[in-house]
């Protein structure tokens, strides 16, 4: 599964893959694989990203087009 929304959210926040990888305590290569759909995103990483961007997990997964405005972790 390709996660274009992960890339869009990251780019809209003017962040690099390296910065997001640091947030997730993983490598840039692994994070890049998440965005391209070559590696499954662990649930804990998905939850961290949803909280970080202030959107729902369903939004990231493409199950809804509605972004939930929630708690956003300081960047």
C-alpha atoms as a PDB file:
ATOM      1  CA  UNK A   1       0.000   0.000   0.000  1.00  0.00           C
ATOM      2  CA  UNK A   2       1.373   3.384  -1.054  1.00  0.00           C
ATOM      3  CA  UNK A   3       1.033   6.156   1.535  1.00  0.00           C
ATOM      4  CA  UNK A   4       0.976   9.377  -0.487  1.00  0.00           C
ATOM      5  CA  UNK A   5      -0.607  11.120   2.476  1.00  0.00           C
ATOM      6  CA  UNK A   6       2.458  10.469   4.617  1.00  0.00           C
ATOM      7  CA  UNK A   7       4.591  12.186   2.023  1.00  0.00           C
ATOM      8  CA  UNK A   8       2.092  15.038   1.613  1.00  0.00           C
ATOM      9  CA  UNK A   9       1.839  15.628   5.366  1.00  0.00           C
ATOM     10  CA  UNK A  10       5.617  15.595   5.701  1.00  0.00           C
ATOM     11  CA  UNK A  11       6.176  17.967   2.794  1.00  0.00           C
ATOM     12  CA  UNK A  12       3.366  20.308   3.926  1.00  0.00           C
ATOM     13  CA  UNK A  13       5.237  20.580   7.237  1.00  0.00           C
ATOM     14  CA  UNK A  14       8.537  21.270   5.411  1.00  0.00           C
ATOM     15  CA  UNK A  15      10.167  18.237   7.002  1.00  0.00           C
ATOM     16  CA  UNK A  16      12.644  15.761   5.586  1.00  0.00           C
ATOM     17  CA  UNK A  17      12.360  11.999   5.722  1.00  0.00           C
ATOM     18  CA  UNK A  18      15.376  12.073   8.036  1.00  0.00           C
ATOM     19  CA  UNK A  19      13.564  14.296  10.568  1.00  0.00           C
ATOM     20  CA  UNK A  20      10.510  12.048  10.612  1.00  0.00           C
ATOM     21  CA  UNK A  21      12.725   8.966  10.881  1.00  0.00           C
ATOM     22  CA  UNK A  22      14.359  10.539  13.950  1.00  0.00           C
ATOM     23  CA  UNK A  23      10.903  11.080  15.472  1.00  0.00           C
ATOM     24  CA  UNK A  24      10.174   7.381  14.947  1.00  0.00           C
ATOM     25  CA  UNK A  25      13.634   6.252  16.105  1.00  0.00           C
ATOM     26  CA  UNK A  26      14.267   4.517  12.804  1.00  0.00           C
ATOM     27  CA  UNK A  27      16.384   5.129   9.724  1.00  0.00           C
ATOM     28  CA  UNK A  28      15.569   7.368   6.779  1.00  0.00           C
ATOM     29  CA  UNK A  29      15.677   4.299   4.539  1.00  0.00           C
ATOM     30  CA  UNK A  30      13.004   2.517   6.579  1.00  0.00           C
ATOM     31  CA  UNK A  31      10.803   5.615   6.657  1.00  0.00           C
ATOM     32  CA  UNK A  32      11.182   6.021   2.893  1.00  0.00           C
ATOM     33  CA  UNK A  33       9.965   2.438   2.504  1.00  0.00           C
ATOM     34  CA  UNK A  34       6.871   3.329   4.561  1.00  0.00           C
ATOM     35  CA  UNK A  35       6.028   6.243   2.253  1.00  0.00           C
ATOM     36  CA  UNK A  36       6.521   4.136  -0.868  1.00  0.00           C
ATOM     37  CA  UNK A  37       4.600   1.165   0.519  1.00  0.00           C
ATOM     38  CA  UNK A  38       7.551  -1.215   0.379  1.00  0.00           C
ATOM     39  CA  UNK A  39       7.436  -1.888   4.116  1.00  0.00           C
ATOM     40  CA  UNK A  40       4.514  -2.170   6.515  1.00  0.00           C
ATOM     41  CA  UNK A  41       4.256   0.618   9.063  1.00  0.00           C
ATOM     42  CA  UNK A  42       4.179  -0.688  12.639  1.00  0.00           C
ATOM     43  CA  UNK A  43       1.078   0.388  14.550  1.00  0.00           C
ATOM     44  CA  UNK A  44       3.162   2.323  17.080  1.00  0.00           C
ATOM     45  CA  UNK A  45       4.739   4.385  14.265  1.00  0.00           C
ATOM     46  CA  UNK A  46       1.348   5.015  12.700  1.00  0.00           C
ATOM     47  CA  UNK A  47       0.000   6.301  16.019  1.00  0.00           C
ATOM     48  CA  UNK A  48       3.023   8.556  16.551  1.00  0.00           C
ATOM     49  CA  UNK A  49       2.598  10.052  13.071  1.00  0.00           C
ATOM     50  CA  UNK A  50      -1.144  10.608  13.510  1.00  0.00           C
ATOM     51  CA  UNK A  51      -0.548  12.437  16.809  1.00  0.00           C
ATOM     52  CA  UNK A  52       2.371  14.390  15.367  1.00  0.00           C
ATOM     53  CA  UNK A  53       0.395  15.676  12.382  1.00  0.00           C
ATOM     54  CA  UNK A  54      -2.881  16.051  14.292  1.00  0.00           C
ATOM     55  CA  UNK A  55      -4.813  13.763  11.950  1.00  0.00           C
ATOM     56  CA  UNK A  56      -6.574  10.453  12.331  1.00  0.00           C
ATOM     57  CA  UNK A  57      -4.984   7.117  11.517  1.00  0.00           C
ATOM     58  CA  UNK A  58      -7.863   6.606   9.089  1.00  0.00           C
ATOM     59  CA  UNK A  59      -6.820   9.757   7.237  1.00  0.00           C
ATOM     60  CA  UNK A  60      -3.234   8.510   6.856  1.00  0.00           C
ATOM     61  CA  UNK A  61      -4.507   5.135   5.661  1.00  0.00           C
ATOM     62  CA  UNK A  62      -6.840   6.752   3.124  1.00  0.00           C
ATOM     63  CA  UNK A  63      -9.993   5.435   4.789  1.00  0.00           C
ATOM     64  CA  UNK A  64     -11.392   8.965   5.107  1.00  0.00           C
ATOM     65  CA  UNK A  65     -10.743  12.351   3.558  1.00  0.00           C
ATOM     66  CA  UNK A  66     -11.578  14.158   6.797  1.00  0.00           C
ATOM     67  CA  UNK A  67      -8.608  15.276   8.848  1.00  0.00           C
ATOM     68  CA  UNK A  68      -9.378  15.221  12.545  1.00  0.00           C
ATOM     69  CA  UNK A  69      -7.886  18.148  14.319  1.00  0.00           C
ATOM     70  CA  UNK A  70      -6.538  16.793  17.497  1.00  0.00           C
ATOM     71  CA  UNK A  71      -3.526  17.045  19.664  1.00  0.00           C
ATOM     72  CA  UNK A  72      -0.428  17.939  17.684  1.00  0.00           C
ATOM     73  CA  UNK A  73       3.014  17.272  19.114  1.00  0.00           C
ATOM     74  CA  UNK A  74       5.376  20.208  18.932  1.00  0.00           C
ATOM     75  CA  UNK A  75       7.721  19.938  15.949  1.00  0.00           C
END
